[in-house]
Each structure stands twice: as C-alpha cells, then as structure tokens.
C-alpha cells in the first residue's frame, strides 16, 4: 500500500496523550482516548492491506499472520524480557503473582480477558501493573483472528454488501458499548465486542475508499474542512474527557470519527496532512508502537520502587525515556525483524512458539510459587498475612460498585433463624463484617450485610464522580424502606468513610503518606432532582442528610450504633512495610500517624455525628479512642505487636476490626 506520512503523524497524536495520561499529567486527563484512535488506524491499515491482496488474489492467512508476528512479537517480547529482573527485585509477592498471570496471558493475547474482572483501568492498582497496556494488543489480535476469515467468507458478495454488514456490526457494537459502559464498565472497556466498532470504523473508511476506487476524490475545500473537523474532534476528546467519561460509549464516536475523517480526507495537499506529516509527528509516529510498549513498565516500576507517588519531574523524565527506548526498540528490533525477507514461515511460527512458551512457563512458575514470598525477610510474615486478612465472604456479600444491589439479595451474618439487625455502609462496613459475624454466631443472632462499595449509608445522596451515580441513591432508598418496614430489625450498625464523602479528598497525613486523587465525591438530591451546588452548600446539605437519615432510624425505635471515622493512615500499611523490608533487607519500624492530624481531618464529620441528640437507642463507637493516644501518646497505631490492624491504607484488617466490634458488641444483647 502507498505510504502516507500523515498516518504516522496520527499515530503520534494517539500515543503521546496515552503516555502523558499514564504519567499523571492532569492536562491530559483524556489521553486514554489515544487507544481509540489507535484502533481506528489499525482497522484502516489492516483492511487496506488485506483488501489490496485479495483484489490481486495473493492473500493468504499464513502470510498475514507471519507478518503480524514479525511486526508485533519481537518488540513485545524484548520489553517483557527486560521487565523480569525488575519484577523479581521490586515486586512484592502478591504483585509478582499478578505479574506472573500477565506473563501467561500476554503471549496468548488474552490479557484483556485476564484484566477485565480485576483491573479497573483507572484504579490505583492499574498504575502498578507493568503489562496492563497489553490489553489493547490483545483486542487487536483477537480482531485479526476473526476479521480476515470474515472477509474471505463474504468476499464474493462484493464490497457493497461487506460494507453493509460491517455497518450493522458497528451499530451493534456501539449500542452494546453504550449499554455496557453503565452496566458493566470493566467488561466494556477491555473486551472486543464493545471495542470492535472502533476498529471497524477504520475498516469501513478503507473499504469505502476501495469501493469507490478513489474515482471521485473530495474537493480541496471539502478535504480541508473535513480533516480540520477531524483534528478538532480528536483534540477536543483528549482535553475534555476524564476517567468518569464512559468509555467506550457514544462519547467514543468523537475521537474515532475524528480519526476517521483524518484518514479519509487528510493528505499532503491540505493543512492537517502537512501538519501531521511534519518531521516531529512522523518521527514520534514511527516509534509509537515501541514507545507504547515501554511507557507502562517504566511508570509502573517507578511507582513500585517508590514509597510514594513519584514526582512530576521523575514522571516527566520517564516520559522522555519511554520515547528514547521506543526509538532504540524501533531501530534495532522492530525495523530489522520487519525488514527480514520472508523465509520459512514455519521457522517464524516456531520462534514465536518458543518465545511464547518461555514467558508462559515463567508465568506459571511465578503463579504456582505464589510470587516467591521467600525473597522477603521472615519478619515480613505478619504483613504478608495482613494483605489478605479481610472478610473472606467479601465477593459473596459485599456489593461492588458496578452491581445493581437490592437489600433482599443481601447475605445474612450469623444465625439466619434469628434475624435481629443489619450492618449498613460502604467498604469500611464490609471490613468489620467478618469479625461481627463471628461474634453474632456466639450469640445466635443474625444480621443482614447491607454493604455497598463507595456508597455512604444515607438517604438522598448520590455519587457525582461516577457514571453509576443513581445506584447509590436508589439502593439507599430501597434499603431504608426495607429496614423501616422490617420489625425484626432491632439493631442497625452504620459504618462508612464519613469524612471522605464530606470533604471530597483522600488523606494526606502530613508525613509523606498521601492517598492518590479525589474520590468519593457525593452530592444530594433535593425535591427529586440532583443538586450540583457550590462546595459550602454541598457540605451543608450532606451534613443535613447525615443527621436526617440517622434520626429516621432512631425515631423508628431501632437501636443505632454509629461507627465513627476509622483513623486513616495515608500509607498502605502492609505494602509500605513489605517494601521497606524488601528494599532494605531488615524489619521496618511500626507505622504511626499523628492524632492531631486525624482530629483536624475528621473534625467536621465528627461534629456532624455528635450533633445528633443523645438517645437511649443511639450508641457511638469511636475507633480513634481505640487506636489513637493509647499505646503511644499523640499517635495512632497501625499494629500492636505482630498484629497488623489494616489491610491497606484505610480499611481495618480482621485483627483491627475485632477491636472495634468488641466495643460495638457490648450493646447487642
């Protein structure tokens, strides 16, 4: 096919925002749409190559896949090989076990299937996965398996019919993506059925050009206008999208349509074509594949090796390094392998199988060995245990953020034959539920587990930072109605990250422990309508809803036990201590935080809960009085002896939860 410089320029416009987004530059909050652009380019180029060969009668699947192997695997396998020593020396056992799973999935091109149930693309954990970005390669390779076969089966129908069939597929995939972005966002983000329309848009541009045979090229004015519109759509998407923009969805038609317009109308005869065909954009575009391969491992290992989020200077230097390594990989690995004369196809496939087998074997060994915990000192054992010292029924009983929970679907903790209470709250409530269940069993009492991730247990509140905004509101409406009508429910335990919802920010302990980002932004519903108010009014209204909801439960005669804010830490306790042991080779001193910092952070939330008048059926449990100013004056502890009280930076481990539940159970007879 004829070389078009502007396509390499468009590749640059795709890869740079992706890299800058993963580096954490807020100006590029929508940089992830670069992957959408890549998909359109891939669909266009692959279709052009296949159709040209099919027109000539020279297309063969073996030749096609041999070229794909030489194009994709050498640079990919080289990058993966380079990650192995860093993974061994810098990853904790749990991280190495997850990485080992990736080593198996990547050469099989199923990493998107591996990641979708467990790795939210925008979550903190995704930043620590060196091979997360290979999900997009898996989507493309899965497309390459299906699409050539489709063209071969439908070729005799003619391009007009093929275009019609693909248009139907685009519409179906787009509608599925729009539905899934709300109902199953992780599935929708990672998998081919909901990503297919982006690749097929590129395929349609290619097929349309071949069908028309370029016999009626667009006029100069039209090509200028269309290509400029395409560039505007791409740039708008990059700078206006953010992590809460449903993706892929109808919104994704902005960058994909923009890329399609550029592919269809740009050339060296118009402004966009000349701009993207400039030396800078073409140079970045040529190395874009290798740069894309390298950027995620660089950022992930920098974060894994650091005790806190790397600074902007470090991430900026790593951005430049990813381009440099991309150039080296392109020049010395990509280009030589792509330039090889096709020799024995059997030899190419054998080499691919050997390389794939190597990484699969390495991955299986790492997984079976549970991440090789023996690499750490023996003193690390309590922290290794603490990571998993959480509710073993979490997957069964805790409603995840993407679910459609109903109170009648909840688990029963303790004795189902003697239902007397309910545990209502978010993941902080789930964190104490296992210890609660153990105590309830001793008393032959049953409690409903009504815990919903990221949802404060308060009427009239919705999540304003997520496409799942209404679910929290609807769930609490149903749950309160259910509880108030159920006369068997005598006790209600309320536990949540009260302060985060009120303040909108995660915790900075002032000593280097800083949680990432702003999360848990909630707003209120007034007179049946969402109210996006200014910040002081928002806080005031949320406080009112806190008080009103709890008062409603109290007035119904139920005994309400409020678990006040859990002292946050700012550091992931087990991970931080394990990193210190791994990197320093010796036992780390126990982590503590300032009680004064806790008091300042939680002053408003505590005052709000304190403002609810005392009643005989109102019990207040203050975890800060358990963890702070007890063992160490002025400090909040995270472990007592070898017992670690947290399984991350703010959720209590079962050992920590036991201390809180012991206090709460004094009031449950």
Foldseek 3Di string as FASTA:
>chain_A
DDDALLLLLLLLLLQLLVLVCLLPDLQQQLSPLSLLLVLLSLLQVVLLVLVVCVVVPNDDPLVVVLLVLLQPPFLLLVLVVVCVVLCLQQPALQLLLLQLVVLQCLLVLCVLVVQLVPPDCPDPVVLQHLCNLSLSVSLSVVCVVPVSVVCVVCVVVDLVVVLVVLVVLLVQLQVVLAVCLQQPQSCLARHNSNSVNSNSLSNNLNSVCVRVVCPDADDPVVLQVQLVQLVVLLVCSRRPDHPQPRPPHPNSCSNSSSSSSNVNRAHCVYDSSVVSSDPVSSLQSLLSVQLSSQSSNLSNSVCSLDQARDDSVSSVVSNVVSSVRSVVCSVPRSVVSSPDDDDDSVVSVVVSVVSSVVSNVSSVVSNVCSSVNVLFDPLLVLLVVLLVLFQPCCVPAAAEQSHQDAQVSHDKQAAPVQEAAEEAAEVLSRRLRVLLSVVNNVVRYIYTYHYYHLAFLFEFKFFPRHSNTCRSNVRNVRVLVVQLVDPRHQEYEGEYQQLLQLVQADDDLVPRQADDDGDSDMFGADPNHTDPDPNVVRNVVVLVRVQVRVVVCVVSNHQYEYEAAFDFQSWFQSSSQRSCRSVVVDGDDFGKGFPVSSCVSCVVVVVSVVPRDDDPSYHYQYNCVVQACPPDHRIGGQADVSNGQHSTGGHGRNVVSNVRSVVVCVPPD
